Structures are given as structure tokens and as C-alpha cells.
């Protein structure tokens, strides 16, 4: 029995060292490339709006004052906006309805407010447009016959195709090519000019797009996309019949590129490549993934705000937390002696492991999130108290020390298991509530508490027991019950 638990010391120490590396201040993170896959992870602490400030945006439905606004459409718009700001790398955003036609967005730690605003309000209407035998210059704004952007085929009547009335005066000197694995594109942030020229036929819209993700191929940043079954059929039929012609990739009526169809694209997958940076590719993939807003939105107001708690409040909260932790450590040491000292070591290990998880996931630390973490510290100490009290009862009943330790752990386990299971169930309910009703503060509290409870089970049951057996196997405490608080 003793060997079984002391054997855990090597993986425990390894895990602690890895966690300590993650939580080390000013850690640059992990950055490496394996083949065509690059891994880039920064081990930074993500703070919420109440700790670091950020951007607050008030968006309003861009419709006439007397127009009827569908409540369901506004709810969908709110969900899409929340998905977009999460895709920007903003964690724990506050996205809430305000009245009938407004949405309030709070973005903690945003460094580029203009980019965030543009991404949020972008309609993201992707079209694959037939431009015939003539290439179209990138950034050209075109008219299309897309009657219903909510449908894959735009709602065009069967057999009706808008034929270009004329060719555009601006032509590309060298046309890119497209195959089933490649379609060239370039992102832009230039202002959108007024559409002029002919009306082109939209083969299909971004509704047919199932997924879009940014990857790296041979050192080039690209966007891989996958089509739905309906989109695969439409795209396959069109490219089969129009080999050698140009197919423009159009985002919000602006041409990203007009590659030549070299062969039929029937697999339903492809790649948009070009002069992308990581930021521009992520921005485009984000717009394509989450599609069009059901209601056009405009920015009614935007402002940068400071931490709602203030630096003084954060400093005082930190001091209060440190005092509470020191008090718990001293209590465990003075009342339970040797087991208490081991529990204090396990508590420090618990804090390192939990904070490492906060960085790795990552978890945005808000004041409610910190409250969940502090509460989980109490749960961790509670588990140790149950175990140690059972150990003391077994020692008073005359059991030898090793049997008392093992019996104390085994008999305390059902109570620890049930109480922590109840806490985790409550965390799940709170997380569901916060996710359903957009209460991100509740989600943060539930997540940090659940992580803390899970780690506390590991440290209280496995780490404490393994360290305790490390001492028992090497030192005879049979006549030193006072070291165990008796």
C-alpha cells in the first residue's frame, strides 16, 4: 500500500514542475512548428473588464425608426455578435440586449477598438460569383443578383442567370488559378466604394460554407473551407460546366479574388490563400464562420473604459486574499501538526496547478472568477480536515499509525466525494444558466469554482496521501502521536 502511493511522487513532481513553468512570471509561452503545423501558445493572464478595463460598444439596429424589429432576429444577432467577439480572442465578453433595438457589448482588454468594431458589425456575406471570361480586379465592388442571402442559391429562379452586360474596364494583368485545393484571395480593410458596372450571377452564398479555419501550409497562411452537401453539389456542377472561366470570391460585394477554374471542384473542400497575415486571415475566417447578421447594426456609441474596480480595490482584494490564505495555513499547521504541514504543501501545489489551468485554458479572471477560486481553496482545506479528523479518531481507538492513516482516508472519501459532486453539479447548472442567458459573470464563477474543486480532489486525496506515506515509510511516528494533533 505504501509503495503504491509513494510511486505517485515522480508523476506528481513532474506535473508540479510543468505547472510551475506555466505560471512563472513573464513566461514567453510555447512557440514551435512541427511539419506544416505551427503551435503558438502564450501563457498570459487574461483579465476581465472589471480588472483591466476595455471597450464598451452600443450597437443599434440600422433600420428606420418606425420599422418593426423581430425579437427573434435580434436575439440571433446578439448570439452572432457574441460568437464574433469570442473569435477575436476576447474572453468573457458581456453581450446583452438593451431594449428592443440595441445591443451592449463590453470587451475586456481590447487593444484595437476600430478592428473590433468593424468585425462585429461586418455583415460577412460571402458569394461565389460567375464573372464569365473576363478577370475582375481585387477590391472591385460589384453588383450581384443575390435575392435572398439566407439561401445557398440566393433564391434565384431556376434557369434564370444574370448575364454581365459589359466587362469591367479594370483587368488583372495576371490571373490566379484555382483547383479543388486552392482558390486565391487577399484580405483588405480599405473603405468600400460605390458599386458600378454589370450585375453578375451568384452561384452560391456563404450559407453553403460549413466551416472555415486558418492554417499554415509551407509557411503560407491560408483559410481552409468545407462546404455543406448542398453547396458541394452546386459548386461541383458549376465548376464542371465552367472550366477555364473566372469565379470571383466576393465578400460584402467586394471582390477578394477572381481565380480561373482549372478543373472541377467536386470534393466540397478548398483553400483560400493569398497575402494573408495571421490577423487578417483570422478576421476573414471569423466573418465566414458566423455568417451574416439577420439585422444590420450600426455603432451608436463606443468608448474605452477603465477598470470598474479600480487599482486600489484590486490591491485591497489581493491583500485580503493573502491574509486569508496565511490564516488557513497557520491554522492547519498549529492544529494538525505534521498532517497540517503536509496539507499546506498540498495547498500550495493546488494553487500552482489551478493557476496553470487558468493560463492554459485560458480562463478570464474577473472578480466573481477570483471569488470562485478562493471558495475552492476552502473546499480543498475542508477535504483535508475531514481526512485528518478521521485519522485522529482511528488513532484514539488504538489503531497503529499506518492503518489509521489509510482508514482515515478511505472512510472520509465518501463524504468528500458526495460533497464535491454536489458542488460540481451546482457549477454545471450555473454555467448552463450563464451560457443560456448571456450572464458571462456567472459562467466565470462556475468555471473557476469547478476547476478548483477538481484540482482540490487531486491534491487532497492523492498528493497529501503520497507525501504523508513518504514520511511514514522513513520515520517511526508510532510513539509520536502528538505530531498528529493528539
Protein backbone atom coordinates (compact mmCIF):
# COMPACT_ATOMS: atom_id res chain seq x y z
CA UNK A 1 0.00 0.00 0.00
CA UNK A 2 2.78 2.41 0.95
CA UNK A 3 4.78 1.68 -2.18
CA UNK A 4 1.74 2.26 -4.34
CA UNK A 5 1.32 5.81 -3.09
CA UNK A 6 4.99 6.76 -2.94
CA UNK A 7 5.26 5.62 -6.59
CA UNK A 8 2.97 8.54 -7.45
CA UNK A 9 5.60 11.03 -6.30
CA UNK A 10 7.50 11.04 -9.62
CA UNK A 11 4.48 11.94 -11.85
CA UNK A 12 3.29 14.39 -9.19
CA UNK A 13 6.66 16.18 -9.10
CA UNK A 14 6.79 16.22 -12.92
CA UNK A 15 3.31 17.74 -13.08
CA UNK A 16 4.24 20.37 -10.49
CA UNK A 17 7.36 21.38 -12.42
CA UNK A 18 5.37 21.75 -15.66
CA UNK A 19 2.71 23.80 -13.87
CA UNK A 20 5.37 25.98 -12.24
CA UNK A 21 6.84 26.67 -15.68
CA UNK A 22 3.43 27.78 -16.95
CA UNK A 23 2.74 30.13 -14.02
CA UNK A 24 6.25 31.59 -13.90
CA UNK A 25 6.03 35.40 -14.33
CA UNK A 26 6.82 36.81 -17.79
CA UNK A 27 6.80 33.32 -19.31
CA UNK A 28 7.01 33.76 -23.12
CA UNK A 29 4.92 30.65 -23.71
CA UNK A 30 5.48 27.83 -26.19
CA UNK A 31 6.17 28.51 -29.87
CA UNK A 32 7.23 25.82 -32.32
CA UNK A 33 6.50 24.40 -35.77
CA UNK A 34 6.05 20.67 -36.41
CA UNK A 35 5.89 19.97 -40.13
CA UNK A 36 3.13 22.14 -41.59
CA UNK A 37 1.52 22.71 -38.19
CA UNK A 38 2.57 25.60 -36.02
CA UNK A 39 1.85 25.74 -32.27
CA UNK A 40 1.71 29.12 -30.63
CA UNK A 41 0.53 29.49 -27.03
CA UNK A 42 1.19 32.46 -24.77
CA UNK A 43 0.98 31.82 -21.03
CA UNK A 44 -0.53 35.18 -20.15
CA UNK A 45 -3.14 36.01 -17.55
CA UNK A 46 -6.44 37.09 -19.10
CA UNK A 47 -8.19 39.70 -17.00
CA UNK A 48 -11.79 40.75 -17.22
CA UNK A 49 -13.27 44.17 -17.80
CA UNK A 50 -13.55 44.83 -14.05
CA UNK A 51 -9.81 44.24 -13.58
CA UNK A 52 -8.20 45.76 -16.67
CA UNK A 53 -10.79 47.88 -18.49
CA UNK A 54 -11.56 47.63 -22.19
CA UNK A 55 -14.08 48.76 -24.80
CA UNK A 56 -17.81 49.30 -24.47
CA UNK A 57 -19.84 49.44 -27.69
CA UNK A 58 -23.53 50.24 -28.04
CA UNK A 59 -24.93 48.89 -31.32
CA UNK A 60 -28.35 49.72 -32.73
CA UNK A 61 -30.48 48.15 -35.44
CA UNK A 62 -29.82 50.11 -38.65
CA UNK A 63 -33.49 50.30 -39.65
CA UNK A 64 -35.99 53.17 -39.95
CA UNK A 65 -37.35 54.43 -36.64
CA UNK A 66 -40.85 53.11 -37.30
CA UNK A 67 -39.78 49.72 -38.65
CA UNK A 68 -40.91 46.60 -36.81
CA UNK A 69 -37.96 44.67 -35.38
CA UNK A 70 -38.32 40.93 -34.99
CA UNK A 71 -37.38 39.90 -31.45
CA UNK A 72 -36.00 36.53 -32.55
CA UNK A 73 -33.83 38.17 -35.20
CA UNK A 74 -32.33 40.49 -32.57
CA UNK A 75 -31.61 37.53 -30.30
CA UNK A 76 -29.83 35.75 -33.17
CA UNK A 77 -27.87 38.94 -33.90
CA UNK A 78 -26.79 39.07 -30.25
CA UNK A 79 -25.60 35.46 -30.38
CA UNK A 80 -23.63 36.07 -33.60
CA UNK A 81 -22.01 39.18 -32.13
CA UNK A 82 -21.01 37.21 -29.04
CA UNK A 83 -19.50 34.46 -31.22
CA UNK A 84 -17.55 37.05 -33.19
CA UNK A 85 -16.06 38.79 -30.18
CA UNK A 86 -15.09 35.40 -28.74
CA UNK A 87 -13.41 34.62 -32.05
CA UNK A 88 -11.42 37.83 -31.71
CA UNK A 89 -9.71 36.28 -28.71
CA UNK A 90 -11.82 38.27 -26.26
CA UNK A 91 -12.86 36.03 -23.39
CA UNK A 92 -15.82 36.61 -21.10
CA UNK A 93 -17.38 39.38 -23.18
CA UNK A 94 -20.60 40.94 -21.96
CA UNK A 95 -23.10 40.97 -24.83
CA UNK A 96 -26.62 41.91 -23.77
CA UNK A 97 -29.84 43.20 -25.28
CA UNK A 98 -30.84 46.71 -24.28
CA UNK A 99 -34.43 47.49 -25.12
CA UNK A 100 -35.94 46.49 -28.45
CA UNK A 101 -33.25 47.56 -30.92
CA UNK A 102 -29.94 47.85 -29.06
CA UNK A 103 -27.10 45.52 -28.03
CA UNK A 104 -24.49 46.46 -25.43
CA UNK A 105 -21.03 44.90 -25.85
CA UNK A 106 -18.21 45.06 -23.32
CA UNK A 107 -14.81 43.80 -24.50
CA UNK A 108 -12.08 43.46 -21.85
CA UNK A 109 -8.52 44.23 -22.86
CA UNK A 110 -9.21 45.17 -26.48
CA UNK A 111 -6.09 46.75 -28.00
CA UNK A 112 -7.54 47.72 -31.38
CA UNK A 113 -11.06 49.13 -30.86
CA UNK A 114 -11.60 50.01 -34.53
CA UNK A 115 -10.82 46.48 -35.72
CA UNK A 116 -13.15 45.01 -33.11
CA UNK A 117 -15.98 47.32 -34.14
CA UNK A 118 -15.52 46.56 -37.84
CA UNK A 119 -15.52 42.81 -37.22
CA UNK A 120 -18.64 42.98 -35.06
CA UNK A 121 -20.75 45.00 -37.48
CA UNK A 122 -19.45 43.31 -40.65
CA UNK A 123 -22.30 41.51 -42.43
CA UNK A 124 -19.94 38.81 -43.66
CA UNK A 125 -21.93 37.95 -46.85
CA UNK A 126 -19.75 35.62 -48.88
CA UNK A 127 -20.66 35.00 -52.52
CA UNK A 128 -19.12 32.85 -55.24
CA UNK A 129 -19.87 34.89 -58.34
CA UNK A 130 -19.73 33.93 -62.02
CA UNK A 131 -17.88 36.75 -63.83
CA UNK A 132 -17.54 34.91 -67.13
CA UNK A 133 -14.45 35.04 -69.33
CA UNK A 134 -13.07 38.36 -68.04
CA UNK A 135 -10.99 38.69 -64.83
CA UNK A 136 -12.07 41.20 -62.18
CA UNK A 137 -9.60 43.25 -60.19
CA UNK A 138 -9.32 42.67 -56.47
CA UNK A 139 -11.20 45.19 -54.27
CA UNK A 140 -13.66 45.96 -57.07
CA UNK A 141 -17.20 46.36 -55.78
CA UNK A 142 -19.73 44.53 -57.92
CA UNK A 143 -23.49 44.14 -58.23
CA UNK A 144 -24.86 40.60 -57.90
CA UNK A 145 -28.26 39.02 -58.39
CA UNK A 146 -28.42 37.62 -54.86
CA UNK A 147 -32.08 37.96 -53.95
CA UNK A 148 -32.11 36.04 -50.67
CA UNK A 149 -28.74 35.79 -48.84
CA UNK A 150 -30.24 33.31 -46.36
CA UNK A 151 -30.33 30.62 -49.08
CA UNK A 152 -27.45 28.71 -50.64
CA UNK A 153 -28.54 29.61 -54.18
CA UNK A 154 -29.64 33.13 -53.18
CA UNK A 155 -33.21 32.34 -54.17
CA UNK A 156 -32.55 32.72 -57.90
CA UNK A 157 -35.35 31.24 -60.04
CA UNK A 158 -34.30 28.03 -61.76
CA UNK A 159 -32.74 28.70 -65.10
CA UNK A 160 -32.56 32.47 -64.62
CA UNK A 161 -28.98 33.74 -64.74
CA UNK A 162 -27.99 37.38 -64.79
CA UNK A 163 -25.56 37.77 -67.67
CA UNK A 164 -22.95 40.51 -67.43
CA UNK A 165 -23.98 43.47 -69.57
CA UNK A 166 -20.43 44.64 -70.09
CA UNK A 167 -16.88 43.94 -68.98
CA UNK A 168 -15.19 46.00 -66.33
CA UNK A 169 -12.62 48.50 -67.55
CA UNK A 170 -10.05 47.37 -64.98
CA UNK A 171 -8.45 43.98 -65.66
CA UNK A 172 -5.84 41.92 -63.88
CA UNK A 173 -2.55 41.51 -65.70
CA UNK A 174 -2.01 38.02 -64.33
CA UNK A 175 -4.89 35.83 -63.23
CA UNK A 176 -4.57 33.46 -60.28
CA UNK A 177 -5.64 29.86 -60.66
CA UNK A 178 -7.92 27.65 -58.59
CA UNK A 179 -8.12 23.90 -58.17
CA UNK A 180 -10.00 21.71 -55.73
CA UNK A 181 -7.36 22.58 -53.16
CA UNK A 182 -6.78 26.25 -53.85
CA UNK A 183 -8.62 29.49 -54.54
CA UNK A 184 -6.54 32.63 -54.24
CA UNK A 185 -7.76 35.58 -52.19
CA UNK A 186 -6.45 38.66 -50.42
CA UNK A 187 -7.95 40.47 -47.48
CA UNK A 188 -8.38 44.24 -47.33
CA UNK A 189 -9.53 46.86 -44.91
CA UNK A 190 -9.89 49.69 -47.42
CA UNK A 191 -13.13 51.69 -47.46
CA UNK A 192 -15.85 50.18 -49.64
CA UNK A 193 -16.51 52.27 -52.82
CA UNK A 194 -19.83 52.51 -54.63
CA UNK A 195 -20.74 49.52 -56.82
CA UNK A 196 -20.76 50.23 -60.56
CA UNK A 197 -20.86 48.12 -63.72
CA UNK A 198 -22.83 44.99 -64.60
CA UNK A 199 -24.80 42.62 -62.40
CA UNK A 200 -23.25 39.20 -62.02
CA UNK A 201 -24.79 35.85 -61.16
CA UNK A 202 -24.18 34.48 -57.66
CA UNK A 203 -23.54 30.76 -57.90
CA UNK A 204 -23.96 30.27 -54.15
CA UNK A 205 -23.57 32.14 -50.86
CA UNK A 206 -21.65 31.60 -47.67
CA UNK A 207 -24.65 29.70 -46.30
CA UNK A 208 -23.12 26.72 -48.11
CA UNK A 209 -19.95 27.16 -46.06
CA UNK A 210 -19.78 24.55 -43.31
CA UNK A 211 -16.52 25.62 -41.72
CA UNK A 212 -13.52 27.88 -42.22
CA UNK A 213 -10.26 27.62 -40.31
CA UNK A 214 -6.85 29.30 -40.53
CA UNK A 215 -3.84 27.02 -41.01
CA UNK A 216 -0.29 27.26 -42.31
CA UNK A 217 0.86 25.45 -45.46
CA UNK A 218 4.52 25.59 -46.42
CA UNK A 219 4.93 28.75 -44.38
CA UNK A 220 1.91 30.46 -46.02
CA UNK A 221 -1.18 31.48 -44.05
CA UNK A 222 -4.32 30.07 -45.69
CA UNK A 223 -8.01 29.53 -44.92
CA UNK A 224 -9.34 26.01 -45.40
CA UNK A 225 -13.07 25.81 -46.04
CA UNK A 226 -15.59 22.98 -46.16
CA UNK A 227 -18.97 23.10 -47.94
CA UNK A 228 -22.29 21.57 -46.97
CA UNK A 229 -23.65 18.69 -49.09
CA UNK A 230 -25.95 21.11 -50.95
CA UNK A 231 -23.09 23.54 -51.52
CA UNK A 232 -20.80 20.74 -52.66
CA UNK A 233 -23.29 19.72 -55.37
CA UNK A 234 -23.91 23.28 -56.59
CA UNK A 235 -20.20 24.11 -56.61
CA UNK A 236 -19.26 20.82 -58.26
CA UNK A 237 -21.86 21.22 -61.03
CA UNK A 238 -20.85 24.81 -61.74
CA UNK A 239 -17.09 24.21 -61.84
CA UNK A 240 -17.61 21.17 -64.05
CA UNK A 241 -19.55 23.24 -66.62
CA UNK A 242 -17.40 26.38 -66.45
CA UNK A 243 -13.85 25.10 -66.58
CA UNK A 244 -11.49 27.80 -67.90
CA UNK A 245 -13.71 30.69 -66.79
CA UNK A 246 -13.38 33.05 -63.82
CA UNK A 247 -15.12 32.62 -60.48
CA UNK A 248 -14.92 35.62 -58.16
CA UNK A 249 -14.85 35.25 -54.40
CA UNK A 250 -16.85 38.24 -53.14
CA UNK A 251 -17.24 39.39 -49.55
CA UNK A 252 -19.86 42.07 -48.97
CA UNK A 253 -19.90 42.87 -52.72
CA UNK A 254 -16.13 43.41 -52.73
CA UNK A 255 -14.02 41.09 -54.87
CA UNK A 256 -11.34 39.29 -52.91
CA UNK A 257 -10.07 37.49 -55.98
CA UNK A 258 -11.23 36.08 -59.34
CA UNK A 259 -9.34 32.82 -59.91
CA UNK A 260 -9.56 30.73 -63.06
CA UNK A 261 -11.36 27.40 -62.69
CA UNK A 262 -8.73 24.92 -63.90
CA UNK A 263 -10.70 21.78 -63.07
CA UNK A 264 -13.95 20.65 -61.48
CA UNK A 265 -14.12 21.14 -57.71
CA UNK A 266 -16.32 18.31 -56.51
CA UNK A 267 -14.82 17.38 -53.12
CA UNK A 268 -16.57 20.12 -51.16
CA UNK A 269 -13.30 21.36 -49.69
CA UNK A 270 -10.87 24.03 -50.75
CA UNK A 271 -8.39 26.65 -49.65
CA UNK A 272 -8.42 30.43 -49.82
CA UNK A 273 -4.82 31.59 -49.97
CA UNK A 274 -3.04 34.82 -50.71
CA UNK A 275 -1.33 37.74 -48.98
CA UNK A 276 -2.76 36.96 -45.57
CA UNK A 277 -1.34 37.81 -42.19
CA UNK A 278 -2.47 35.78 -39.18
CA UNK A 279 -4.68 38.68 -38.09
CA UNK A 280 -6.36 39.28 -41.45
CA UNK A 281 -6.89 35.55 -42.06
CA UNK A 282 -8.46 35.09 -38.64
CA UNK A 283 -10.68 38.09 -39.23
CA UNK A 284 -11.91 36.76 -42.58
CA UNK A 285 -12.39 33.20 -41.28
CA UNK A 286 -14.36 34.63 -38.36
CA UNK A 287 -16.71 36.52 -40.68
CA UNK A 288 -17.21 33.48 -42.89
CA UNK A 289 -17.82 31.09 -39.99
CA UNK A 290 -20.52 33.12 -38.36
CA UNK A 291 -22.16 34.46 -41.50
CA UNK A 292 -24.44 37.43 -41.90
CA UNK A 293 -26.23 39.34 -39.20
CA UNK A 294 -30.00 38.90 -39.60
CA UNK A 295 -30.44 42.62 -38.82
CA UNK A 296 -27.95 45.30 -39.92
CA UNK A 297 -26.31 47.00 -36.96
CA UNK A 298 -24.67 50.38 -36.61
CA UNK A 299 -22.46 51.73 -33.84
CA UNK A 300 -24.49 54.19 -31.81
CA UNK A 301 -21.74 54.78 -29.25
CA UNK A 302 -18.32 53.39 -28.34
CA UNK A 303 -15.99 54.31 -25.52
CA UNK A 304 -12.96 52.95 -23.75
CA UNK A 305 -13.48 52.38 -20.05
CA UNK A 306 -11.11 51.81 -17.17
CA UNK A 307 -11.22 49.01 -14.59
CA UNK A 308 -14.58 49.11 -12.81
CA UNK A 309 -12.95 48.06 -9.55
CA UNK A 310 -10.07 50.47 -9.71
CA UNK A 311 -6.45 49.77 -8.85
CA UNK A 312 -6.98 50.45 -5.16
CA UNK A 313 -9.83 47.92 -4.92
CA UNK A 314 -7.76 45.28 -6.72
CA UNK A 315 -4.82 45.91 -4.37
CA UNK A 316 -7.03 45.62 -1.27
CA UNK A 317 -8.67 42.44 -2.61
CA UNK A 318 -5.21 40.92 -3.15
CA UNK A 319 -4.13 41.80 0.39
CA UNK A 320 -7.34 40.33 1.82
CA UNK A 321 -6.84 37.11 -0.13
CA UNK A 322 -3.23 36.81 1.07
CA UNK A 323 -4.26 37.33 4.70
CA UNK A 324 -6.96 34.67 4.38
CA UNK A 325 -4.55 32.17 2.83
CA UNK A 326 -1.89 32.75 5.51
CA UNK A 327 -4.53 32.32 8.23
CA UNK A 328 -5.62 28.97 6.79
CA UNK A 329 -2.01 27.78 6.50
CA UNK A 330 -1.26 28.70 10.14
CA UNK A 331 -4.44 27.05 11.42
CA UNK A 332 -3.71 23.76 9.63
CA UNK A 333 -0.10 23.79 10.87
CA UNK A 334 -0.90 24.56 14.52
CA UNK A 335 -3.94 22.33 14.91
CA UNK A 336 -2.98 19.26 12.85
CA UNK A 337 0.84 19.47 13.18
CA UNK A 338 2.57 17.16 10.66
CA UNK A 339 -0.55 16.36 8.56
CA UNK A 340 -1.36 20.07 8.63
CA UNK A 341 2.11 20.95 7.31
CA UNK A 342 1.68 18.39 4.52
CA UNK A 343 -1.76 19.81 3.77
CA UNK A 344 -0.20 23.27 3.49
CA UNK A 345 2.29 21.92 0.97
CA UNK A 346 -0.59 20.32 -0.94
CA UNK A 347 -2.45 23.64 -0.80
CA UNK A 348 0.48 25.44 -2.43
CA UNK A 349 0.62 22.70 -5.08
CA UNK A 350 -3.13 23.14 -5.57
CA UNK A 351 -2.72 26.87 -6.15
CA UNK A 352 0.08 26.31 -8.71
CA UNK A 353 -1.87 23.65 -10.63
CA UNK A 354 -5.10 25.66 -10.67
CA UNK A 355 -3.43 28.87 -11.81
CA UNK A 356 -1.63 26.92 -14.54
CA UNK A 357 -5.00 25.65 -15.77
CA UNK A 358 -6.32 29.23 -15.77
CA UNK A 359 -3.48 30.19 -18.10
CA UNK A 360 -3.70 27.13 -20.34
CA UNK A 361 -7.46 27.06 -21.00
CA UNK A 362 -7.38 30.20 -20.75
CA UNK A 363 -9.80 31.48 -18.10
CA UNK A 364 -10.58 35.18 -17.87
CA UNK A 365 -10.08 36.32 -14.29
CA UNK A 366 -12.84 38.61 -13.10
CA UNK A 367 -13.76 39.41 -9.52
CA UNK A 368 -16.50 36.70 -9.49
CA UNK A 369 -13.99 34.28 -11.03
CA UNK A 370 -11.47 35.05 -8.30
CA UNK A 371 -14.25 34.52 -5.75
CA UNK A 372 -14.84 31.05 -7.21
CA UNK A 373 -11.13 30.27 -6.91
CA UNK A 374 -10.96 31.44 -3.28
CA UNK A 375 -14.07 29.40 -2.44
CA UNK A 376 -12.44 26.30 -3.93
CA UNK A 377 -9.49 26.85 -1.56
CA UNK A 378 -11.93 26.41 1.31
CA UNK A 379 -13.22 23.22 -0.32
CA UNK A 380 -9.65 21.88 -0.56
CA UNK A 381 -8.99 22.59 3.11
CA UNK A 382 -12.35 21.08 4.07
CA UNK A 383 -11.39 17.76 2.44
CA UNK A 384 -8.13 17.64 4.42
CA UNK A 385 -9.93 18.43 7.68
CA UNK A 386 -12.36 15.54 7.15
CA UNK A 387 -9.46 13.17 6.47
CA UNK A 388 -7.35 14.29 9.42
CA UNK A 389 -10.25 14.16 11.89
CA UNK A 390 -10.97 10.58 10.83
CA UNK A 391 -7.26 9.77 11.29
CA UNK A 392 -7.33 11.18 14.83
CA UNK A 393 -10.41 9.10 15.68
CA UNK A 394 -8.67 5.94 14.46
CA UNK A 395 -5.54 6.75 16.48
CA UNK A 396 -7.63 7.34 19.64
CA UNK A 397 -9.30 3.96 19.03
CA UNK A 398 -5.91 2.28 19.29
CA UNK A 399 -5.05 1.56 15.65
CA UNK A 400 -1.42 1.74 14.61
CA UNK A 401 -0.35 4.82 12.69
CA UNK A 402 -0.26 3.41 9.15
CA UNK A 403 -3.65 1.72 9.49
CA UNK A 404 -5.09 4.89 10.99
CA UNK A 405 -3.87 6.94 8.01
CA UNK A 406 -5.27 4.54 5.40
CA UNK A 407 -8.55 4.05 7.28
CA UNK A 408 -8.94 7.79 7.76
CA UNK A 409 -8.58 8.44 4.04
CA UNK A 410 -10.89 5.60 2.99
CA UNK A 411 -13.67 6.47 5.46
CA UNK A 412 -13.53 10.19 4.71
CA UNK A 413 -13.67 9.61 0.96
CA UNK A 414 -17.47 9.02 0.62
CA UNK A 415 -18.24 12.36 2.36
CA UNK A 416 -15.62 14.19 0.27
CA UNK A 417 -16.89 12.56 -2.95
CA UNK A 418 -20.55 13.39 -2.34
CA UNK A 419 -19.97 16.98 -1.23
CA UNK A 420 -17.70 17.74 -4.18
CA UNK A 421 -20.07 16.03 -6.62
CA UNK A 422 -22.88 18.28 -5.34
CA UNK A 423 -20.65 21.33 -5.84
CA UNK A 424 -19.74 20.27 -9.40
CA UNK A 425 -23.41 19.72 -10.26
CA UNK A 426 -24.19 23.21 -8.99
CA UNK A 427 -21.32 24.59 -11.08
CA UNK A 428 -22.75 22.85 -14.14
CA UNK A 429 -26.17 24.41 -13.53
CA UNK A 430 -24.66 27.86 -13.03
CA UNK A 431 -22.55 27.51 -16.19
CA UNK A 432 -25.60 26.44 -18.21
CA UNK A 433 -27.60 29.35 -16.82
CA UNK A 434 -24.85 31.84 -17.64
CA UNK A 435 -24.39 30.40 -21.14
CA UNK A 436 -28.13 30.37 -21.89
CA UNK A 437 -28.92 33.86 -20.64
CA UNK A 438 -25.65 35.58 -21.55
CA UNK A 439 -24.54 36.06 -17.93
CA UNK A 440 -20.81 35.68 -18.51
CA UNK A 441 -20.01 36.72 -14.92
CA UNK A 442 -21.93 33.68 -13.63
CA UNK A 443 -20.10 31.46 -16.15
CA UNK A 444 -16.73 32.71 -14.92
CA UNK A 445 -17.60 32.00 -11.29
CA UNK A 446 -18.87 28.50 -12.13
CA UNK A 447 -15.85 27.63 -14.25
CA UNK A 448 -13.19 28.72 -11.75
CA UNK A 449 -15.02 27.00 -8.89
CA UNK A 450 -15.37 23.75 -10.84
CA UNK A 451 -11.70 23.74 -11.83
CA UNK A 452 -10.68 24.46 -8.25
CA UNK A 453 -12.85 21.64 -6.88
CA UNK A 454 -11.44 19.15 -9.41
CA UNK A 455 -7.84 20.08 -8.58
CA UNK A 456 -8.55 20.08 -4.84
CA UNK A 457 -9.75 16.47 -5.07
CA UNK A 458 -6.47 15.54 -6.73
CA UNK A 459 -4.30 17.31 -4.15
CA UNK A 460 -6.31 16.32 -1.05
CA UNK A 461 -6.63 12.63 -1.91
CA UNK A 462 -3.51 11.80 -3.91
CA UNK A 463 -0.86 14.43 -3.19
CA UNK A 464 -1.42 14.67 0.57
CA UNK A 465 -1.60 10.89 0.95
CA UNK A 466 1.55 10.28 -1.12
CA UNK A 467 3.61 12.84 0.82
CA UNK A 468 2.30 11.51 4.12
CA UNK A 469 3.36 7.97 3.23
CA UNK A 470 6.76 9.32 2.18
CA UNK A 471 7.33 10.37 5.80
CA UNK A 472 5.69 7.30 7.39
CA UNK A 473 7.86 4.90 5.37
CA UNK A 474 11.07 6.51 6.59
CA UNK A 475 10.38 7.78 10.12
CA UNK A 476 8.84 5.94 13.04
CA UNK A 477 5.98 8.06 14.40
CA UNK A 478 4.35 5.23 16.37
CA UNK A 479 5.13 6.87 19.67
CA UNK A 480 4.77 10.46 18.45
CA UNK A 481 1.00 10.87 18.23
CA UNK A 482 1.40 14.49 19.32
CA UNK A 483 2.84 15.17 15.88
CA UNK A 484 -0.66 14.35 14.58
CA UNK A 485 -2.50 16.72 16.88
CA UNK A 486 -3.33 14.19 19.62
